[in-house]
C-alpha atoms as a PDB file:
ATOM      1  CA  UNK A   1      -7.698   0.314 -32.501  1.00  0.00           C
ATOM      2  CA  UNK A   2      -8.500   2.841 -29.791  1.00  0.00           C
ATOM      3  CA  UNK A   3      -7.203   2.504 -26.574  1.00  0.00           C
ATOM      4  CA  UNK A   4     -10.376   1.131 -25.323  1.00  0.00           C
ATOM      5  CA  UNK A   5     -10.413  -1.579 -27.818  1.00  0.00           C
ATOM      6  CA  UNK A   6      -6.810  -2.465 -26.945  1.00  0.00           C
ATOM      7  CA  UNK A   7      -7.477  -2.857 -23.286  1.00  0.00           C
ATOM      8  CA  UNK A   8     -10.755  -4.732 -23.915  1.00  0.00           C
ATOM      9  CA  UNK A   9      -8.499  -7.330 -26.028  1.00  0.00           C
ATOM     10  CA  UNK A  10      -5.268  -7.568 -23.414  1.00  0.00           C
ATOM     11  CA  UNK A  11      -7.971  -8.076 -20.783  1.00  0.00           C
ATOM     12  CA  UNK A  12     -10.575 -10.274 -22.173  1.00  0.00           C
ATOM     13  CA  UNK A  13     -13.120  -7.906 -21.467  1.00  0.00           C
ATOM     14  CA  UNK A  14     -12.775  -8.337 -17.913  1.00  0.00           C
ATOM     15  CA  UNK A  15     -11.869  -5.898 -14.898  1.00  0.00           C
ATOM     16  CA  UNK A  16      -7.794  -6.448 -14.649  1.00  0.00           C
ATOM     17  CA  UNK A  17      -7.627  -6.100 -10.875  1.00  0.00           C
ATOM     18  CA  UNK A  18     -10.416  -8.368  -9.777  1.00  0.00           C
ATOM     19  CA  UNK A  19     -11.745 -10.192 -13.011  1.00  0.00           C
ATOM     20  CA  UNK A  20     -15.438  -9.158 -12.896  1.00  0.00           C
ATOM     21  CA  UNK A  21     -16.973  -8.751 -16.422  1.00  0.00           C
ATOM     22  CA  UNK A  22     -19.955  -6.147 -15.465  1.00  0.00           C
ATOM     23  CA  UNK A  23     -19.647  -2.662 -16.224  1.00  0.00           C
ATOM     24  CA  UNK A  24     -16.081  -1.966 -16.889  1.00  0.00           C
ATOM     25  CA  UNK A  25     -14.651   1.304 -17.512  1.00  0.00           C
ATOM     26  CA  UNK A  26     -10.920   2.797 -18.693  1.00  0.00           C
ATOM     27  CA  UNK A  27      -8.984   3.838 -15.677  1.00  0.00           C
ATOM     28  CA  UNK A  28      -6.425   5.846 -17.183  1.00  0.00           C
ATOM     29  CA  UNK A  29      -3.730   5.826 -13.921  1.00  0.00           C
ATOM     30  CA  UNK A  30      -2.787   9.200 -12.487  1.00  0.00           C
ATOM     31  CA  UNK A  31      -0.730  11.535 -12.002  1.00  0.00           C
ATOM     32  CA  UNK A  32       0.220  11.490 -15.984  1.00  0.00           C
ATOM     33  CA  UNK A  33      -1.617   9.154 -17.832  1.00  0.00           C
ATOM     34  CA  UNK A  34      -2.109  10.146 -21.686  1.00  0.00           C
ATOM     35  CA  UNK A  35      -4.788   7.976 -22.183  1.00  0.00           C
ATOM     36  CA  UNK A  36      -2.999   5.380 -24.152  1.00  0.00           C
ATOM     37  CA  UNK A  37      -3.592   1.556 -23.541  1.00  0.00           C
ATOM     38  CA  UNK A  38      -0.046   1.727 -21.777  1.00  0.00           C
ATOM     39  CA  UNK A  39      -0.815   4.407 -19.491  1.00  0.00           C
ATOM     40  CA  UNK A  40      -4.418   2.783 -18.603  1.00  0.00           C
ATOM     41  CA  UNK A  41      -6.250  -0.172 -17.137  1.00  0.00           C
ATOM     42  CA  UNK A  42      -9.629  -1.795 -17.463  1.00  0.00           C
ATOM     43  CA  UNK A  43     -11.520  -2.066 -14.279  1.00  0.00           C
ATOM     44  CA  UNK A  44     -14.801  -2.583 -13.102  1.00  0.00           C
ATOM     45  CA  UNK A  45     -17.453   0.067 -11.402  1.00  0.00           C
ATOM     46  CA  UNK A  46     -16.722  -1.651  -7.705  1.00  0.00           C
ATOM     47  CA  UNK A  47     -12.972  -0.784  -8.307  1.00  0.00           C
ATOM     48  CA  UNK A  48     -12.946   2.486  -9.956  1.00  0.00           C
ATOM     49  CA  UNK A  49     -15.478   3.816  -7.061  1.00  0.00           C
ATOM     50  CA  UNK A  50     -13.269   2.386  -4.291  1.00  0.00           C
ATOM     51  CA  UNK A  51     -10.420   3.685  -5.738  1.00  0.00           C
ATOM     52  CA  UNK A  52     -11.822   7.110  -6.400  1.00  0.00           C
ATOM     53  CA  UNK A  53     -13.553   7.408  -3.007  1.00  0.00           C
ATOM     54  CA  UNK A  54     -11.049   5.689  -0.481  1.00  0.00           C
ATOM     55  CA  UNK A  55     -13.766   5.964   2.468  1.00  0.00           C
ATOM     56  CA  UNK A  56     -15.980   3.428   0.524  1.00  0.00           C
ATOM     57  CA  UNK A  57     -13.127   0.828   0.327  1.00  0.00           C
ATOM     58  CA  UNK A  58     -14.081  -2.554   1.150  1.00  0.00           C
ATOM     59  CA  UNK A  59     -11.024  -4.216   2.314  1.00  0.00           C
ATOM     60  CA  UNK A  60     -11.747  -8.164   1.527  1.00  0.00           C
ATOM     61  CA  UNK A  61     -12.990  -6.809  -2.184  1.00  0.00           C
ATOM     62  CA  UNK A  62      -9.202  -6.042  -2.646  1.00  0.00           C
ATOM     63  CA  UNK A  63      -7.967  -9.839  -1.993  1.00  0.00           C
ATOM     64  CA  UNK A  64      -8.481  -9.952  -5.580  1.00  0.00           C
ATOM     65  CA  UNK A  65      -4.501  -8.442  -5.777  1.00  0.00           C
ATOM     66  CA  UNK A  66      -3.242 -11.349  -4.507  1.00  0.00           C
ATOM     67  CA  UNK A  67      -3.417 -12.940  -8.159  1.00  0.00           C
ATOM     68  CA  UNK A  68      -3.546  -9.753 -10.406  1.00  0.00           C
ATOM     69  CA  UNK A  69      -0.469  -8.152  -8.776  1.00  0.00           C
ATOM     70  CA  UNK A  70       1.556 -10.917 -10.790  1.00  0.00           C
ATOM     71  CA  UNK A  71       0.347  -9.103 -14.069  1.00  0.00           C
ATOM     72  CA  UNK A  72       3.227  -7.925 -16.519  1.00  0.00           C
ATOM     73  CA  UNK A  73       1.017  -4.826 -17.392  1.00  0.00           C
ATOM     74  CA  UNK A  74       2.878  -2.040 -15.402  1.00  0.00           C
ATOM     75  CA  UNK A  75      -0.096   0.130 -15.235  1.00  0.00           C
ATOM     76  CA  UNK A  76      -1.900  -2.637 -13.413  1.00  0.00           C
ATOM     77  CA  UNK A  77       1.090  -3.230 -11.291  1.00  0.00           C
ATOM     78  CA  UNK A  78       0.846   0.354 -10.302  1.00  0.00           C
ATOM     79  CA  UNK A  79      -2.793   0.374  -9.146  1.00  0.00           C
ATOM     80  CA  UNK A  80      -2.239  -3.038  -7.273  1.00  0.00           C
ATOM     81  CA  UNK A  81       0.986  -1.577  -5.575  1.00  0.00           C
ATOM     82  CA  UNK A  82      -0.946   1.588  -4.905  1.00  0.00           C
ATOM     83  CA  UNK A  83      -3.994   0.006  -3.534  1.00  0.00           C
ATOM     84  CA  UNK A  84      -1.771  -2.757  -1.098  1.00  0.00           C
ATOM     85  CA  UNK A  85       0.287   0.417   0.134  1.00  0.00           C
ATOM     86  CA  UNK A  86      -3.245   2.258   1.159  1.00  0.00           C
ATOM     87  CA  UNK A  87      -4.230  -1.035   2.666  1.00  0.00           C
ATOM     88  CA  UNK A  88      -1.291  -2.112   4.175  1.00  0.00           C
ATOM     89  CA  UNK A  89      -2.335  -1.281   7.640  1.00  0.00           C
ATOM     90  CA  UNK A  90      -4.623  -4.513   7.546  1.00  0.00           C
ATOM     91  CA  UNK A  91      -1.720  -6.940   7.520  1.00  0.00           C
ATOM     92  CA  UNK A  92      -2.512  -9.068   4.646  1.00  0.00           C
ATOM     93  CA  UNK A  93      -1.863  -6.291   2.140  1.00  0.00           C
ATOM     94  CA  UNK A  94       1.626  -5.652   3.751  1.00  0.00           C
ATOM     95  CA  UNK A  95       2.621  -9.441   3.366  1.00  0.00           C
ATOM     96  CA  UNK A  96       1.692  -8.844  -0.557  1.00  0.00           C
ATOM     97  CA  UNK A  97       3.046  -5.686  -0.656  1.00  0.00           C
ATOM     98  CA  UNK A  98       6.448  -7.570   0.480  1.00  0.00           C
ATOM     99  CA  UNK A  99       6.521 -10.400  -2.322  1.00  0.00           C
ATOM    100  CA  UNK A 100       5.645  -7.906  -5.039  1.00  0.00           C
ATOM    101  CA  UNK A 101       8.713  -6.542  -7.060  1.00  0.00           C
ATOM    102  CA  UNK A 102       8.343  -3.603  -9.542  1.00  0.00           C
ATOM    103  CA  UNK A 103      11.245  -2.532 -11.962  1.00  0.00           C
ATOM    104  CA  UNK A 104      12.493   0.905 -11.168  1.00  0.00           C
ATOM    105  CA  UNK A 105      10.244   2.858 -13.219  1.00  0.00           C
ATOM    106  CA  UNK A 106       7.468   1.429 -12.617  1.00  0.00           C
ATOM    107  CA  UNK A 107       8.098   1.612  -8.766  1.00  0.00           C
ATOM    108  CA  UNK A 108       8.797   5.227  -9.497  1.00  0.00           C
ATOM    109  CA  UNK A 109       5.385   5.514 -10.978  1.00  0.00           C
ATOM    110  CA  UNK A 110       3.533   3.796  -8.796  1.00  0.00           C
ATOM    111  CA  UNK A 111       4.958   6.375  -5.750  1.00  0.00           C
ATOM    112  CA  UNK A 112       4.514   9.175  -7.667  1.00  0.00           C
ATOM    113  CA  UNK A 113       0.607   8.783  -7.841  1.00  0.00           C
ATOM    114  CA  UNK A 114       0.624   7.851  -4.075  1.00  0.00           C
ATOM    115  CA  UNK A 115       2.709  10.922  -3.164  1.00  0.00           C
ATOM    116  CA  UNK A 116       0.599  13.178  -5.515  1.00  0.00           C
ATOM    117  CA  UNK A 117      -2.754  11.900  -4.028  1.00  0.00           C
ATOM    118  CA  UNK A 118      -1.722  12.133  -0.214  1.00  0.00           C
ATOM    119  CA  UNK A 119      -0.345  15.795  -0.218  1.00  0.00           C
ATOM    120  CA  UNK A 120      -2.332  16.088   3.242  1.00  0.00           C
ATOM    121  CA  UNK A 121      -1.101  12.530   4.018  1.00  0.00           C
ATOM    122  CA  UNK A 122      -0.146  11.715   7.516  1.00  0.00           C
ATOM    123  CA  UNK A 123       3.655  11.344   7.885  1.00  0.00           C
ATOM    124  CA  UNK A 124       5.167   9.265  10.782  1.00  0.00           C
ATOM    125  CA  UNK A 125       8.343  10.443  12.201  1.00  0.00           C
ATOM    126  CA  UNK A 126      10.438   8.956  14.847  1.00  0.00           C
ATOM    127  CA  UNK A 127      11.841  10.572  17.957  1.00  0.00           C
ATOM    128  CA  UNK A 128      14.333  12.680  15.777  1.00  0.00           C
ATOM    129  CA  UNK A 129      11.930  13.624  13.361  1.00  0.00           C
ATOM    130  CA  UNK A 130      13.299  11.127  10.795  1.00  0.00           C
ATOM    131  CA  UNK A 131      10.061  10.223   8.108  1.00  0.00           C
ATOM    132  CA  UNK A 132       9.288   6.729   8.937  1.00  0.00           C
ATOM    133  CA  UNK A 133       8.131   4.643   5.794  1.00  0.00           C
ATOM    134  CA  UNK A 134       6.387   0.862   6.152  1.00  0.00           C
ATOM    135  CA  UNK A 135       8.814  -1.804   6.347  1.00  0.00           C
ATOM    136  CA  UNK A 136      11.618  -0.070   7.965  1.00  0.00           C
ATOM    137  CA  UNK A 137      13.774  -1.229  10.990  1.00  0.00           C
ATOM    138  CA  UNK A 138      13.802   1.009  14.032  1.00  0.00           C
ATOM    139  CA  UNK A 139      15.021   0.614  17.683  1.00  0.00           C
ATOM    140  CA  UNK A 140      13.150   1.444  20.736  1.00  0.00           C
ATOM    141  CA  UNK A 141      14.278   4.396  22.937  1.00  0.00           C
ATOM    142  CA  UNK A 142      12.759   3.461  26.028  1.00  0.00           C
ATOM    143  CA  UNK A 143      11.440   0.454  27.942  1.00  0.00           C
ATOM    144  CA  UNK A 144       7.622   0.045  26.982  1.00  0.00           C
ATOM    145  CA  UNK A 145       5.188  -1.942  28.895  1.00  0.00           C
ATOM    146  CA  UNK A 146       2.894  -3.530  26.507  1.00  0.00           C
ATOM    147  CA  UNK A 147      -0.626  -3.314  27.410  1.00  0.00           C
ATOM    148  CA  UNK A 148      -3.024  -6.435  28.145  1.00  0.00           C
ATOM    149  CA  UNK A 149       0.649  -8.372  28.546  1.00  0.00           C
ATOM    150  CA  UNK A 150       3.051  -9.020  30.933  1.00  0.00           C
ATOM    151  CA  UNK A 151       5.598  -8.264  28.532  1.00  0.00           C
ATOM    152  CA  UNK A 152       8.040  -5.022  28.599  1.00  0.00           C
ATOM    153  CA  UNK A 153       9.777  -3.905  25.674  1.00  0.00           C
ATOM    154  CA  UNK A 154      13.132  -3.142  26.540  1.00  0.00           C
ATOM    155  CA  UNK A 155      15.112  -0.219  25.357  1.00  0.00           C
ATOM    156  CA  UNK A 156      17.652  -0.734  22.533  1.00  0.00           C
ATOM    157  CA  UNK A 157      14.999  -3.612  21.005  1.00  0.00           C
ATOM    158  CA  UNK A 158      15.285  -3.611  17.337  1.00  0.00           C
ATOM    159  CA  UNK A 159      11.895  -3.731  15.449  1.00  0.00           C
ATOM    160  CA  UNK A 160      12.396  -4.878  11.405  1.00  0.00           C
ATOM    161  CA  UNK A 161       9.822  -4.723   8.954  1.00  0.00           C
ATOM    162  CA  UNK A 162       7.421  -2.042  11.133  1.00  0.00           C
ATOM    163  CA  UNK A 163       3.868  -1.149   8.997  1.00  0.00           C
ATOM    164  CA  UNK A 164       2.375   2.539  10.009  1.00  0.00           C
ATOM    165  CA  UNK A 165      -0.956   3.193  11.563  1.00  0.00           C
ATOM    166  CA  UNK A 166      -2.623   4.884   8.606  1.00  0.00           C
ATOM    167  CA  UNK A 167      -4.863   6.860  10.299  1.00  0.00           C
ATOM    168  CA  UNK A 168      -2.547   7.960  13.429  1.00  0.00           C
ATOM    169  CA  UNK A 169       0.678   9.460  12.624  1.00  0.00           C
ATOM    170  CA  UNK A 170       2.225   8.972  16.671  1.00  0.00           C
ATOM    171  CA  UNK A 171       1.527   4.680  16.049  1.00  0.00           C
ATOM    172  CA  UNK A 172       3.202   2.108  14.189  1.00  0.00           C
ATOM    173  CA  UNK A 173       3.046  -1.547  14.380  1.00  0.00           C
ATOM    174  CA  UNK A 174       5.902  -4.254  15.032  1.00  0.00           C
ATOM    175  CA  UNK A 175       6.697  -7.675  16.130  1.00  0.00           C
ATOM    176  CA  UNK A 176       8.467  -7.705  19.644  1.00  0.00           C
ATOM    177  CA  UNK A 177       9.560 -10.864  20.888  1.00  0.00           C
ATOM    178  CA  UNK A 178       7.090 -12.511  18.560  1.00  0.00           C
ATOM    179  CA  UNK A 179       4.062 -10.221  19.342  1.00  0.00           C
ATOM    180  CA  UNK A 180       2.580  -7.643  17.452  1.00  0.00           C
ATOM    181  CA  UNK A 181       2.344  -4.500  19.383  1.00  0.00           C
ATOM    182  CA  UNK A 182       1.409  -0.863  18.318  1.00  0.00           C
ATOM    183  CA  UNK A 183       4.213   1.558  19.385  1.00  0.00           C
ATOM    184  CA  UNK A 184       4.235   5.147  19.842  1.00  0.00           C
ATOM    185  CA  UNK A 185       6.761   6.945  16.998  1.00  0.00           C
ATOM    186  CA  UNK A 186       8.176   9.337  20.325  1.00  0.00           C
ATOM    187  CA  UNK A 187       9.936   6.168  21.564  1.00  0.00           C
ATOM    188  CA  UNK A 188      11.347   4.802  18.428  1.00  0.00           C
ATOM    189  CA  UNK A 189      14.605   5.757  16.500  1.00  0.00           C
ATOM    190  CA  UNK A 190      14.873   4.695  13.064  1.00  0.00           C
ATOM    191  CA  UNK A 191      17.895   2.379  12.226  1.00  0.00           C
ATOM    192  CA  UNK A 192      20.101   3.198   9.320  1.00  0.00           C
END
């Protein structure tokens, strides 16, 4: 059986990400796919187009990952993890990422593709130049007045499970006193 025939059998001839039946193509999962069924997935033209051209992403299309991320197929898990990571600033994808568990080998594969795809990516750094990642915990290094609110976030306040603002290396999001706020990275220090 060819890899494409294997993928059709595995997926029941539907997109392994969104479940569509039309325009199915074999997607070799980068960076080092050998073209085998184990390192490829079967996806529709819509998913393929949005993966290949990030500027065309329709965020709500990817709500399908709420179901497909639970597949036992590592290649599908890798692509689901990468898309959720790419969209994590939207809120709901980060919540799904927080639930998704990948074994060590699959996680390394997923992260390798992100690193390869984002050599020019925005890097978030705290006040000491330490690289920040989504889910990190930070501490405020200055009292901050929250715009549009009477809240003053005090110096020393811990902010757990931060989210990165994808298009701005100087901003993160976090919850302070129950309120989701945008924080400048120059005013935080990574914990641990």
